[in-house]
Amino acid sequence: MWKKVRRGEFGREEAALAAASLRYAGIELAPSMELSAGALRLATELDHPAYDCFYLELCRARGIGMVTADKRLARKISSASYPLPPSVITLDTFT
């Protein structure tokens, strides 16, 4: 959301509302320690920041899809030859 505000795609109020609404989205927190080895492997294989790869590893481990605003990451994932989440959708798909 920060990036969307920075790019002028969201106003600050819109971003704050979106962030606040996450509380009611039924999001489950997951411990990061169990994901760290896989996230590091993905970060090095994709040559991508580890913080994104934690989300990617969580989705891969649970066999669920991932939604991202990071088109560069989505491109890297689409060309990877190893197991990743079953689907990766970019936010621009919804606009």
PDB file of N, CA and C in Angstrom:
ATOM      1  N   MET A   1       0.822  -1.178   0.000  1.00  0.00           N
ATOM      2  CA  MET A   1       0.000   0.000   0.000  1.00  0.00           C
ATOM      3  C   MET A   1       0.874   1.252   0.000  1.00  0.00           C
ATOM      4  N   TRP A   2       1.995   1.158   0.712  1.00  0.00           N
ATOM      5  CA  TRP A   2       2.933   2.274   0.717  1.00  0.00           C
ATOM      6  C   TRP A   2       3.369   2.597  -0.706  1.00  0.00           C
ATOM      7  N   LYS A   3       3.661   1.550  -1.465  1.00  0.00           N
ATOM      8  CA  LYS A   3       4.131   1.760  -2.829  1.00  0.00           C
ATOM      9  C   LYS A   3       3.038   2.389  -3.689  1.00  0.00           C
ATOM     10  N   LYS A   4       1.796   1.971  -3.472  1.00  0.00           N
ATOM     11  CA  LYS A   4       0.677   2.544  -4.223  1.00  0.00           C
ATOM     12  C   LYS A   4       0.525   4.035  -3.916  1.00  0.00           C
ATOM     13  N   VAL A   5       0.698   4.415  -2.644  1.00  0.00           N
ATOM     14  CA  VAL A   5       0.630   5.830  -2.262  1.00  0.00           C
ATOM     15  C   VAL A   5       1.785   6.580  -2.909  1.00  0.00           C
ATOM     16  N   ARG A   6       2.946   5.984  -2.848  1.00  0.00           N
ATOM     17  CA  ARG A   6       4.141   6.604  -3.413  1.00  0.00           C
ATOM     18  C   ARG A   6       3.996   6.868  -4.905  1.00  0.00           C
ATOM     19  N   ARG A   7       3.337   5.964  -5.604  1.00  0.00           N
ATOM     20  CA  ARG A   7       3.139   6.097  -7.050  1.00  0.00           C
ATOM     21  C   ARG A   7       1.939   6.984  -7.401  1.00  0.00           C
ATOM     22  N   GLY A   8       1.181   7.378  -6.388  1.00  0.00           N
ATOM     23  CA  GLY A   8       0.002   8.192  -6.641  1.00  0.00           C
ATOM     24  C   GLY A   8      -1.225   7.385  -7.044  1.00  0.00           C
ATOM     25  N   GLU A   9      -1.161   6.068  -6.891  1.00  0.00           N
ATOM     26  CA  GLU A   9      -2.284   5.206  -7.250  1.00  0.00           C
ATOM     27  C   GLU A   9      -3.344   5.154  -6.153  1.00  0.00           C
ATOM     28  N   PHE A  10      -2.935   5.361  -4.900  1.00  0.00           N
ATOM     29  CA  PHE A  10      -3.828   5.435  -3.749  1.00  0.00           C
ATOM     30  C   PHE A  10      -3.530   6.738  -3.030  1.00  0.00           C
ATOM     31  N   GLY A  11      -4.559   7.344  -2.435  1.00  0.00           N
ATOM     32  CA  GLY A  11      -4.322   8.437  -1.511  1.00  0.00           C
ATOM     33  C   GLY A  11      -3.971   7.853  -0.153  1.00  0.00           C
ATOM     34  N   ARG A  12      -3.465   8.687   0.738  1.00  0.00           N
ATOM     35  CA  ARG A  12      -3.114   8.199   2.079  1.00  0.00           C
ATOM     36  C   ARG A  12      -4.323   7.660   2.811  1.00  0.00           C
ATOM     37  N   GLU A  13      -5.452   8.324   2.656  1.00  0.00           N
ATOM     38  CA  GLU A  13      -6.668   7.870   3.338  1.00  0.00           C
ATOM     39  C   GLU A  13      -7.128   6.515   2.805  1.00  0.00           C
ATOM     40  N   GLU A  14      -7.046   6.339   1.486  1.00  0.00           N
ATOM     41  CA  GLU A  14      -7.419   5.046   0.893  1.00  0.00           C
ATOM     42  C   GLU A  14      -6.521   3.926   1.419  1.00  0.00           C
ATOM     43  N   ALA A  15      -5.234   4.199   1.477  1.00  0.00           N
ATOM     44  CA  ALA A  15      -4.293   3.196   1.968  1.00  0.00           C
ATOM     45  C   ALA A  15      -4.554   2.877   3.431  1.00  0.00           C
ATOM     46  N   ALA A  16      -4.832   3.898   4.237  1.00  0.00           N
ATOM     47  CA  ALA A  16      -5.118   3.682   5.652  1.00  0.00           C
ATOM     48  C   ALA A  16      -6.387   2.848   5.819  1.00  0.00           C
ATOM     49  N   LEU A  17      -7.400   3.132   5.030  1.00  0.00           N
ATOM     50  CA  LEU A  17      -8.644   2.358   5.093  1.00  0.00           C
ATOM     51  C   LEU A  17      -8.408   0.908   4.677  1.00  0.00           C
ATOM     52  N   ALA A  18      -7.653   0.716   3.612  1.00  0.00           N
ATOM     53  CA  ALA A  18      -7.347  -0.639   3.153  1.00  0.00           C
ATOM     54  C   ALA A  18      -6.561  -1.404   4.209  1.00  0.00           C
ATOM     55  N   ALA A  19      -5.581  -0.748   4.824  1.00  0.00           N
ATOM     56  CA  ALA A  19      -4.779  -1.400   5.862  1.00  0.00           C
ATOM     57  C   ALA A  19      -5.644  -1.745   7.068  1.00  0.00           C
ATOM     58  N   ALA A  20      -6.525  -0.840   7.455  1.00  0.00           N
ATOM     59  CA  ALA A  20      -7.404  -1.099   8.599  1.00  0.00           C
ATOM     60  C   ALA A  20      -8.372  -2.236   8.312  1.00  0.00           C
ATOM     61  N   SER A  21      -8.813  -2.354   7.084  1.00  0.00           N
ATOM     62  CA  SER A  21      -9.776  -3.410   6.745  1.00  0.00           C
ATOM     63  C   SER A  21      -9.148  -4.800   6.794  1.00  0.00           C
ATOM     64  N   LEU A  22      -7.820  -4.883   6.741  1.00  0.00           N
ATOM     65  CA  LEU A  22      -7.158  -6.184   6.825  1.00  0.00           C
ATOM     66  C   LEU A  22      -7.468  -6.888   8.144  1.00  0.00           C
ATOM     67  N   ARG A  23      -7.747  -6.118   9.186  1.00  0.00           N
ATOM     68  CA  ARG A  23      -8.091  -6.701  10.487  1.00  0.00           C
ATOM     69  C   ARG A  23      -9.309  -7.622  10.378  1.00  0.00           C
ATOM     70  N   TYR A  24     -10.195  -7.313   9.457  1.00  0.00           N
ATOM     71  CA  TYR A  24     -11.439  -8.072   9.315  1.00  0.00           C
ATOM     72  C   TYR A  24     -11.407  -9.053   8.148  1.00  0.00           C
ATOM     73  N   ALA A  25     -10.263  -9.243   7.568  1.00  0.00           N
ATOM     74  CA  ALA A  25     -10.149 -10.087   6.380  1.00  0.00           C
ATOM     75  C   ALA A  25      -9.915 -11.555   6.698  1.00  0.00           C
ATOM     76  N   GLY A  26      -9.847 -11.905   7.978  1.00  0.00           N
ATOM     77  CA  GLY A  26      -9.633 -13.301   8.333  1.00  0.00           C
ATOM     78  C   GLY A  26      -8.217 -13.767   8.041  1.00  0.00           C
ATOM     79  N   ILE A  27      -7.279 -12.872   8.114  1.00  0.00           N
ATOM     80  CA  ILE A  27      -5.887 -13.219   7.828  1.00  0.00           C
ATOM     81  C   ILE A  27      -5.281 -13.934   9.021  1.00  0.00           C
ATOM     82  N   GLU A  28      -4.616 -15.019   8.737  1.00  0.00           N
ATOM     83  CA  GLU A  28      -3.958 -15.829   9.774  1.00  0.00           C
ATOM     84  C   GLU A  28      -2.468 -15.499   9.790  1.00  0.00           C
ATOM     85  N   LEU A  29      -1.925 -15.298  10.970  1.00  0.00           N
ATOM     86  CA  LEU A  29      -0.492 -15.071  11.094  1.00  0.00           C
ATOM     87  C   LEU A  29       0.240 -16.413  11.109  1.00  0.00           C
ATOM     88  N   ALA A  30       1.411 -16.452  10.497  1.00  0.00           N
ATOM     89  CA  ALA A  30       2.193 -17.684  10.444  1.00  0.00           C
ATOM     90  C   ALA A  30       3.588 -17.403  10.981  1.00  0.00           C
ATOM     91  N   PRO A  31       4.124 -18.306  11.800  1.00  0.00           N
ATOM     92  CA  PRO A  31       5.493 -18.121  12.305  1.00  0.00           C
ATOM     93  C   PRO A  31       6.489 -18.144  11.140  1.00  0.00           C
ATOM     94  N   SER A  32       7.431 -17.234  11.165  1.00  0.00           N
ATOM     95  CA  SER A  32       8.362 -17.144  10.044  1.00  0.00           C
ATOM     96  C   SER A  32       9.538 -18.112  10.159  1.00  0.00           C
ATOM     97  N   MET A  33       9.851 -18.578  11.362  1.00  0.00           N
ATOM     98  CA  MET A  33      11.020 -19.436  11.530  1.00  0.00           C
ATOM     99  C   MET A  33      10.916 -20.706  10.682  1.00  0.00           C
ATOM    100  N   GLU A  34       9.745 -21.306  10.637  1.00  0.00           N
ATOM    101  CA  GLU A  34       9.590 -22.544   9.860  1.00  0.00           C
ATOM    102  C   GLU A  34       9.661 -22.295   8.351  1.00  0.00           C
ATOM    103  N   LEU A  35       9.555 -21.061   7.938  1.00  0.00           N
ATOM    104  CA  LEU A  35       9.592 -20.728   6.514  1.00  0.00           C
ATOM    105  C   LEU A  35      10.966 -20.241   6.058  1.00  0.00           C
ATOM    106  N   SER A  36      11.858 -19.986   7.000  1.00  0.00           N
ATOM    107  CA  SER A  36      13.106 -19.292   6.678  1.00  0.00           C
ATOM    108  C   SER A  36      14.003 -20.048   5.696  1.00  0.00           C
ATOM    109  N   ALA A  37      14.143 -21.345   5.833  1.00  0.00           N
ATOM    110  CA  ALA A  37      15.019 -22.095   4.921  1.00  0.00           C
ATOM    111  C   ALA A  37      14.480 -22.049   3.492  1.00  0.00           C
ATOM    112  N   GLY A  38      13.189 -22.284   3.344  1.00  0.00           N
ATOM    113  CA  GLY A  38      12.583 -22.235   2.011  1.00  0.00           C
ATOM    114  C   GLY A  38      12.601 -20.843   1.424  1.00  0.00           C
ATOM    115  N   ALA A  39      12.374 -19.831   2.263  1.00  0.00           N
ATOM    116  CA  ALA A  39      12.393 -18.446   1.783  1.00  0.00           C
ATOM    117  C   ALA A  39      13.784 -18.067   1.299  1.00  0.00           C
ATOM    118  N   LEU A  40      14.797 -18.487   2.015  1.00  0.00           N
ATOM    119  CA  LEU A  40      16.172 -18.204   1.593  1.00  0.00           C
ATOM    120  C   LEU A  40      16.483 -18.906   0.276  1.00  0.00           C
ATOM    121  N   ARG A  41      16.063 -20.158   0.155  1.00  0.00           N
ATOM    122  CA  ARG A  41      16.294 -20.898  -1.102  1.00  0.00           C
ATOM    123  C   ARG A  41      15.633 -20.162  -2.266  1.00  0.00           C
ATOM    124  N   LEU A  42      14.375 -19.741  -2.079  1.00  0.00           N
ATOM    125  CA  LEU A  42      13.678 -19.021  -3.142  1.00  0.00           C
ATOM    126  C   LEU A  42      14.347 -17.683  -3.445  1.00  0.00           C
ATOM    127  N   ALA A  43      14.766 -16.970  -2.401  1.00  0.00           N
ATOM    128  CA  ALA A  43      15.412 -15.663  -2.603  1.00  0.00           C
ATOM    129  C   ALA A  43      16.682 -15.805  -3.434  1.00  0.00           C
ATOM    130  N   THR A  44      17.466 -16.830  -3.146  1.00  0.00           N
ATOM    131  CA  THR A  44      18.710 -16.996  -3.892  1.00  0.00           C
ATOM    132  C   THR A  44      18.452 -17.521  -5.304  1.00  0.00           C
ATOM    133  N   GLU A  45      17.486 -18.415  -5.449  1.00  0.00           N
ATOM    134  CA  GLU A  45      17.198 -18.954  -6.783  1.00  0.00           C
ATOM    135  C   GLU A  45      16.513 -17.930  -7.681  1.00  0.00           C
ATOM    136  N   LEU A  46      15.653 -17.095  -7.104  1.00  0.00           N
ATOM    137  CA  LEU A  46      14.950 -16.079  -7.898  1.00  0.00           C
ATOM    138  C   LEU A  46      15.733 -14.768  -7.983  1.00  0.00           C
ATOM    139  N   ASP A  47      16.782 -14.640  -7.152  1.00  0.00           N
ATOM    140  CA  ASP A  47      17.514 -13.381  -7.033  1.00  0.00           C
ATOM    141  C   ASP A  47      16.533 -12.260  -6.708  1.00  0.00           C
ATOM    142  N   HIS A  48      15.804 -12.468  -5.600  1.00  0.00           N
ATOM    143  CA  HIS A  48      14.744 -11.546  -5.187  1.00  0.00           C
ATOM    144  C   HIS A  48      14.811 -11.364  -3.670  1.00  0.00           C
ATOM    145  N   PRO A  49      14.410 -10.194  -3.154  1.00  0.00           N
ATOM    146  CA  PRO A  49      14.482  -9.957  -1.708  1.00  0.00           C
ATOM    147  C   PRO A  49      13.765 -11.030  -0.886  1.00  0.00           C
ATOM    148  N   ALA A  50      14.396 -11.412   0.209  1.00  0.00           N
ATOM    149  CA  ALA A  50      13.880 -12.495   1.049  1.00  0.00           C
ATOM    150  C   ALA A  50      12.523 -12.185   1.651  1.00  0.00           C
ATOM    151  N   TYR A  51      12.247 -10.906   1.981  1.00  0.00           N
ATOM    152  CA  TYR A  51      10.973 -10.613   2.632  1.00  0.00           C
ATOM    153  C   TYR A  51       9.788 -11.003   1.755  1.00  0.00           C
ATOM    154  N   ASP A  52       9.879 -10.830   0.443  1.00  0.00           N
ATOM    155  CA  ASP A  52       8.819 -11.294  -0.453  1.00  0.00           C
ATOM    156  C   ASP A  52       8.781 -12.814  -0.507  1.00  0.00           C
ATOM    157  N   CYS A  53       9.946 -13.422  -0.433  1.00  0.00           N
ATOM    158  CA  CYS A  53      10.037 -14.874  -0.562  1.00  0.00           C
ATOM    159  C   CYS A  53       9.452 -15.602   0.640  1.00  0.00           C
ATOM    160  N   PHE A  54       9.334 -14.943   1.791  1.00  0.00           N
ATOM    161  CA  PHE A  54       8.634 -15.557   2.922  1.00  0.00           C
ATOM    162  C   PHE A  54       7.165 -15.773   2.565  1.00  0.00           C
ATOM    163  N   TYR A  55       6.538 -14.780   1.945  1.00  0.00           N
ATOM    164  CA  TYR A  55       5.141 -14.936   1.518  1.00  0.00           C
ATOM    165  C   TYR A  55       5.031 -16.032   0.460  1.00  0.00           C
ATOM    166  N   LEU A  56       5.954 -16.008  -0.453  1.00  0.00           N
ATOM    167  CA  LEU A  56       5.968 -17.008  -1.516  1.00  0.00           C
ATOM    168  C   LEU A  56       6.136 -18.416  -0.949  1.00  0.00           C
ATOM    169  N   GLU A  57       7.044 -18.584  -0.005  1.00  0.00           N
ATOM    170  CA  GLU A  57       7.275 -19.894   0.617  1.00  0.00           C
ATOM    171  C   GLU A  57       6.052 -20.341   1.408  1.00  0.00           C
ATOM    172  N   LEU A  58       5.393 -19.428   2.097  1.00  0.00           N
ATOM    173  CA  LEU A  58       4.182 -19.787   2.836  1.00  0.00           C
ATOM    174  C   LEU A  58       3.115 -20.310   1.887  1.00  0.00           C
ATOM    175  N   CYS A  59       2.909 -19.623   0.788  1.00  0.00           N
ATOM    176  CA  CYS A  59       1.920 -20.078  -0.201  1.00  0.00           C
ATOM    177  C   CYS A  59       2.322 -21.421  -0.803  1.00  0.00           C
ATOM    178  N   ARG A  60       3.611 -21.567  -1.108  1.00  0.00           N
ATOM    179  CA  ARG A  60       4.091 -22.835  -1.685  1.00  0.00           C
ATOM    180  C   ARG A  60       3.874 -23.976  -0.699  1.00  0.00           C
ATOM    181  N   ALA A  61       4.227 -23.758   0.561  1.00  0.00           N
ATOM    182  CA  ALA A  61       4.111 -24.809   1.570  1.00  0.00           C
ATOM    183  C   ALA A  61       2.662 -25.205   1.823  1.00  0.00           C
ATOM    184  N   ARG A  62       1.754 -24.262   1.731  1.00  0.00           N
ATOM    185  CA  ARG A  62       0.332 -24.552   1.980  1.00  0.00           C
ATOM    186  C   ARG A  62      -0.443 -24.913   0.723  1.00  0.00           C
ATOM    187  N   GLY A  63       0.209 -24.812  -0.426  1.00  0.00           N
ATOM    188  CA  GLY A  63      -0.459 -25.156  -1.678  1.00  0.00           C
ATOM    189  C   GLY A  63      -1.576 -24.198  -2.041  1.00  0.00           C
ATOM    190  N   ILE A  64      -1.363 -22.918  -1.714  1.00  0.00           N
ATOM    191  CA  ILE A  64      -2.382 -21.915  -2.015  1.00  0.00           C
ATOM    192  C   ILE A  64      -1.811 -20.868  -2.963  1.00  0.00           C
ATOM    193  N   GLY A  65      -2.678 -20.149  -3.626  1.00  0.00           N
ATOM    194  CA  GLY A  65      -2.256 -19.108  -4.550  1.00  0.00           C
ATOM    195  C   GLY A  65      -1.762 -17.877  -3.812  1.00  0.00           C
ATOM    196  N   MET A  66      -1.126 -17.000  -4.553  1.00  0.00           N
ATOM    197  CA  MET A  66      -0.567 -15.773  -3.991  1.00  0.00           C
ATOM    198  C   MET A  66      -1.007 -14.597  -4.840  1.00  0.00           C
ATOM    199  N   VAL A  67      -1.336 -13.486  -4.178  1.00  0.00           N
ATOM    200  CA  VAL A  67      -1.656 -12.239  -4.859  1.00  0.00           C
ATOM    201  C   VAL A  67      -0.546 -11.250  -4.534  1.00  0.00           C
ATOM    202  N   THR A  68      -0.026 -10.592  -5.552  1.00  0.00           N
ATOM    203  CA  THR A  68       1.067  -9.639  -5.351  1.00  0.00           C
ATOM    204  C   THR A  68       0.889  -8.426  -6.246  1.00  0.00           C
ATOM    205  N   ALA A  69       1.413  -7.307  -5.816  1.00  0.00           N
ATOM    206  CA  ALA A  69       1.460  -6.107  -6.647  1.00  0.00           C
ATOM    207  C   ALA A  69       2.804  -6.026  -7.370  1.00  0.00           C
ATOM    208  N   ASP A  70       3.696  -6.943  -7.093  1.00  0.00           N
ATOM    209  CA  ASP A  70       5.057  -6.918  -7.627  1.00  0.00           C
ATOM    210  C   ASP A  70       5.123  -7.677  -8.952  1.00  0.00           C
ATOM    211  N   LYS A  71       5.023  -6.942 -10.045  1.00  0.00           N
ATOM    212  CA  LYS A  71       5.044  -7.570 -11.368  1.00  0.00           C
ATOM    213  C   LYS A  71       6.384  -8.240 -11.661  1.00  0.00           C
ATOM    214  N   ARG A  72       7.457  -7.654 -11.143  1.00  0.00           N
ATOM    215  CA  ARG A  72       8.788  -8.239 -11.358  1.00  0.00           C
ATOM    216  C   ARG A  72       8.868  -9.615 -10.707  1.00  0.00           C
ATOM    217  N   LEU A  73       8.356  -9.728  -9.489  1.00  0.00           N
ATOM    218  CA  LEU A  73       8.330 -11.023  -8.807  1.00  0.00           C
ATOM    219  C   LEU A  73       7.461 -12.013  -9.570  1.00  0.00           C
ATOM    220  N   ALA A  74       6.298 -11.572 -10.015  1.00  0.00           N
ATOM    221  CA  ALA A  74       5.398 -12.464 -10.769  1.00  0.00           C
ATOM    222  C   ALA A  74       6.076 -12.990 -12.029  1.00  0.00           C
ATOM    223  N   ARG A  75       6.839 -12.137 -12.718  1.00  0.00           N
ATOM    224  CA  ARG A  75       7.566 -12.590 -13.916  1.00  0.00           C
ATOM    225  C   ARG A  75       8.620 -13.628 -13.563  1.00  0.00           C
ATOM    226  N   LYS A  76       9.351 -13.390 -12.479  1.00  0.00           N
ATOM    227  CA  LYS A  76      10.376 -14.349 -12.053  1.00  0.00           C
ATOM    228  C   LYS A  76       9.748 -15.692 -11.709  1.00  0.00           C
ATOM    229  N   ILE A  77       8.619 -15.641 -11.023  1.00  0.00           N
ATOM    230  CA  ILE A  77       7.935 -16.871 -10.626  1.00  0.00           C
ATOM    231  C   ILE A  77       7.455 -17.630 -11.855  1.00  0.00           C
ATOM    232  N   SER A  78       6.917 -16.913 -12.833  1.00  0.00           N
ATOM    233  CA  SER A  78       6.365 -17.584 -14.014  1.00  0.00           C
ATOM    234  C   SER A  78       7.423 -18.301 -14.832  1.00  0.00           C
ATOM    235  N   SER A  79       8.675 -17.881 -14.713  1.00  0.00           N
ATOM    236  CA  SER A  79       9.727 -18.538 -15.489  1.00  0.00           C
ATOM    237  C   SER A  79      10.540 -19.529 -14.655  1.00  0.00           C
ATOM    238  N   ALA A  80      10.166 -19.730 -13.401  1.00  0.00           N
ATOM    239  CA  ALA A  80      10.909 -20.654 -12.536  1.00  0.00           C
ATOM    240  C   ALA A  80      10.600 -22.100 -12.907  1.00  0.00           C
ATOM    241  N   SER A  81      11.563 -22.974 -12.662  1.00  0.00           N
ATOM    242  CA  SER A  81      11.392 -24.385 -13.029  1.00  0.00           C
ATOM    243  C   SER A  81      11.291 -25.294 -11.804  1.00  0.00           C
ATOM    244  N   TYR A  82      10.946 -24.762 -10.652  1.00  0.00           N
ATOM    245  CA  TYR A  82      10.847 -25.551  -9.423  1.00  0.00           C
ATOM    246  C   TYR A  82       9.505 -25.258  -8.765  1.00  0.00           C
ATOM    247  N   PRO A  83       9.096 -26.067  -7.800  1.00  0.00           N
ATOM    248  CA  PRO A  83       7.756 -25.945  -7.222  1.00  0.00           C
ATOM    249  C   PRO A  83       7.503 -24.596  -6.560  1.00  0.00           C
ATOM    250  N   LEU A  84       6.430 -23.956  -6.970  1.00  0.00           N
ATOM    251  CA  LEU A  84       6.004 -22.679  -6.421  1.00  0.00           C
ATOM    252  C   LEU A  84       4.505 -22.747  -6.153  1.00  0.00           C
ATOM    253  N   PRO A  85       3.901 -21.665  -5.652  1.00  0.00           N
ATOM    254  CA  PRO A  85       2.453 -21.711  -5.417  1.00  0.00           C
ATOM    255  C   PRO A  85       1.704 -22.097  -6.684  1.00  0.00           C
ATOM    256  N   PRO A  86       0.513 -22.675  -6.519  1.00  0.00           N
ATOM    257  CA  PRO A  86      -0.251 -23.113  -7.687  1.00  0.00           C
ATOM    258  C   PRO A  86      -0.634 -21.964  -8.616  1.00  0.00           C
ATOM    259  N   SER A  87      -0.773 -20.761  -8.085  1.00  0.00           N
ATOM    260  CA  SER A  87      -1.072 -19.619  -8.939  1.00  0.00           C
ATOM    261  C   SER A  87      -0.553 -18.350  -8.282  1.00  0.00           C
ATOM    262  N   VAL A  88      -0.136 -17.438  -9.117  1.00  0.00           N
ATOM    263  CA  VAL A  88       0.294 -16.129  -8.655  1.00  0.00           C
ATOM    264  C   VAL A  88      -0.467 -15.110  -9.491  1.00  0.00           C
ATOM    265  N   ILE A  89      -1.200 -14.258  -8.811  1.00  0.00           N
ATOM    266  CA  ILE A  89      -2.032 -13.247  -9.476  1.00  0.00           C
ATOM    267  C   ILE A  89      -1.500 -11.879  -9.096  1.00  0.00           C
ATOM    268  N   THR A  90      -1.401 -10.991 -10.063  1.00  0.00           N
ATOM    269  CA  THR A  90      -0.977  -9.620  -9.754  1.00  0.00           C
ATOM    270  C   THR A  90      -2.203  -8.755  -9.519  1.00  0.00           C
ATOM    271  N   LEU A  91      -2.042  -7.742  -8.675  1.00  0.00           N
ATOM    272  CA  LEU A  91      -3.166  -6.861  -8.327  1.00  0.00           C
ATOM    273  C   LEU A  91      -3.772  -6.181  -9.522  1.00  0.00           C
ATOM    274  N   ASP A  92      -2.993  -5.919 -10.554  1.00  0.00           N
ATOM    275  CA  ASP A  92      -3.554  -5.250 -11.726  1.00  0.00           C
ATOM    276  C   ASP A  92      -4.574  -6.121 -12.452  1.00  0.00           C
ATOM    277  N   THR A  93      -4.619  -7.406 -12.106  1.00  0.00           N
ATOM    278  CA  THR A  93      -5.636  -8.301 -12.660  1.00  0.00           C
ATOM    279  C   THR A  93      -7.027  -7.843 -12.243  1.00  0.00           C
ATOM    280  N   PHE A  94      -7.125  -7.192 -11.085  1.00  0.00           N
ATOM    281  CA  PHE A  94      -8.410  -6.796 -10.535  1.00  0.00           C
ATOM    282  C   PHE A  94      -8.828  -5.387 -10.926  1.00  0.00           C
ATOM    283  N   THR A  95      -7.973  -4.670 -11.634  1.00  0.00           N
ATOM    284  CA  THR A  95      -8.324  -3.283 -11.993  1.00  0.00           C
ATOM    285  C   THR A  95      -8.792  -3.160 -13.398  1.00  0.00           C
TER     286      THR A  95
END
